[in-house]
Amino acid sequence: MNDMDSAATRLDAALKRLEVALEAHLTRAGDPAALKAEIAALVEDRARLADELDSALARERELQTLADEASDALGAAILEVRAALSPAEEEADNGQG
């Protein structure tokens, strides 16, 4: 076997190893078009989820504002009821004391 045959054999072996490595890499990585489609779907999902999160946070702020208003109104109503009952309680205490 001469030098050219030896070099050709080594080149052939190297190309076979490269082909096996490339096939293994493509198997792990998958189809590039499928990966691009999957990435696009993930980007779209992320954008949709970000919009939903923004909407949910805005709704949470609205609900918190309403809860605060309801709490203030309830507190005011309790004070009014106490104020209305106070003279009646004083009268009841005066009549018994």
Protein backbone atom coordinates (compact mmCIF):
# COMPACT_ATOMS: atom_id res chain seq x y z
CA MET A 1 0.00 0.00 0.00
CA ASN A 2 1.48 3.32 -0.99
CA ASP A 3 1.20 6.69 0.74
CA MET A 4 -1.77 7.73 -1.40
CA ASP A 5 -3.70 4.59 -0.52
CA SER A 6 -2.89 5.05 3.15
CA ALA A 7 -3.97 8.70 3.07
CA ALA A 8 -7.17 7.77 1.23
CA THR A 9 -7.93 5.08 3.82
CA ARG A 10 -7.35 7.53 6.68
CA LEU A 11 -9.48 10.15 4.92
CA ASP A 12 -12.25 7.62 4.37
CA ALA A 13 -12.14 6.58 8.05
CA ALA A 14 -12.17 10.24 9.15
CA LEU A 15 -15.14 10.99 6.90
CA LYS A 16 -17.02 8.00 8.32
CA ARG A 17 -16.34 9.19 11.90
CA LEU A 18 -17.48 12.68 10.91
CA GLU A 19 -20.65 11.29 9.37
CA VAL A 20 -21.43 9.25 12.50
CA ALA A 21 -20.76 12.28 14.72
CA LEU A 22 -22.93 14.49 12.52
CA GLU A 23 -25.78 11.99 12.56
CA ALA A 24 -25.55 11.74 16.35
CA HIS A 25 -25.56 15.53 16.62
CA LEU A 26 -28.57 15.87 14.31
CA THR A 27 -30.37 13.16 16.27
CA ARG A 28 -29.79 15.09 19.49
CA ALA A 29 -30.59 18.48 17.95
CA GLY A 30 -33.49 17.37 15.81
CA ASP A 31 -34.68 18.85 12.57
CA PRO A 32 -33.62 22.52 12.29
CA ALA A 33 -36.96 23.51 10.74
CA ALA A 34 -38.82 21.75 13.55
CA LEU A 35 -36.61 23.46 16.12
CA LYS A 36 -37.29 26.86 14.55
CA ALA A 37 -41.04 26.16 14.60
CA GLU A 38 -40.83 25.05 18.23
CA ILE A 39 -38.88 28.19 19.18
CA ALA A 40 -41.42 30.36 17.36
CA ALA A 41 -44.24 28.62 19.24
CA LEU A 42 -42.43 29.15 22.54
CA VAL A 43 -41.93 32.85 21.76
CA GLU A 44 -45.61 33.18 20.88
CA ASP A 45 -46.64 31.37 24.08
CA ARG A 46 -44.35 33.60 26.12
CA ALA A 47 -45.88 36.72 24.60
CA ARG A 48 -49.40 35.42 25.24
CA LEU A 49 -48.54 34.49 28.83
CA ALA A 50 -46.96 37.91 29.40
CA ASP A 51 -50.17 39.57 28.16
CA GLU A 52 -52.27 37.33 30.40
CA LEU A 53 -50.02 38.11 33.36
CA ASP A 54 -50.29 41.85 32.70
CA SER A 55 -54.09 41.53 32.55
CA ALA A 56 -54.17 39.46 35.74
CA LEU A 57 -51.99 41.98 37.57
CA ALA A 58 -54.19 44.85 36.40
CA ARG A 59 -57.27 42.96 37.58
CA GLU A 60 -55.58 42.26 40.91
CA ARG A 61 -54.92 46.00 41.36
CA GLU A 62 -58.57 46.75 40.53
CA LEU A 63 -59.78 44.14 43.01
CA GLN A 64 -57.41 45.43 45.70
CA THR A 65 -58.73 48.97 45.16
CA LEU A 66 -62.30 47.70 45.46
CA ALA A 67 -61.41 45.71 48.59
CA ASP A 68 -59.81 48.79 50.14
CA GLU A 69 -62.90 50.87 49.31
CA ALA A 70 -65.18 48.19 50.74
CA SER A 71 -63.06 47.99 53.89
CA ASP A 72 -63.19 51.78 54.31
CA ALA A 73 -66.96 51.79 53.77
CA LEU A 74 -67.42 48.95 56.28
CA GLY A 75 -65.24 50.75 58.81
CA ALA A 76 -67.29 53.93 58.37
CA ALA A 77 -70.54 51.98 58.71
CA ILE A 78 -69.31 50.35 61.92
CA LEU A 79 -68.45 53.77 63.34
CA GLU A 80 -71.89 55.08 62.38
CA VAL A 81 -73.61 52.12 64.02
CA ARG A 82 -71.52 52.56 67.18
CA ALA A 83 -72.28 56.27 67.21
CA ALA A 84 -75.98 55.57 66.75
CA LEU A 85 -75.95 52.97 69.55
CA SER A 86 -73.91 55.08 71.96
CA PRO A 87 -76.73 57.47 72.92
CA ALA A 88 -79.10 54.52 73.30
CA GLU A 89 -76.59 52.73 75.51
CA GLU A 90 -76.09 55.88 77.59
CA GLU A 91 -79.86 56.22 78.03
CA ALA A 92 -80.11 52.56 79.04
CA ASP A 93 -77.29 52.98 81.53
CA ASN A 94 -78.87 56.16 82.93
CA GLY A 95 -82.22 54.49 83.42
CA GLN A 96 -80.69 51.57 85.32
CA GLY A 97 -78.07 53.45 87.30
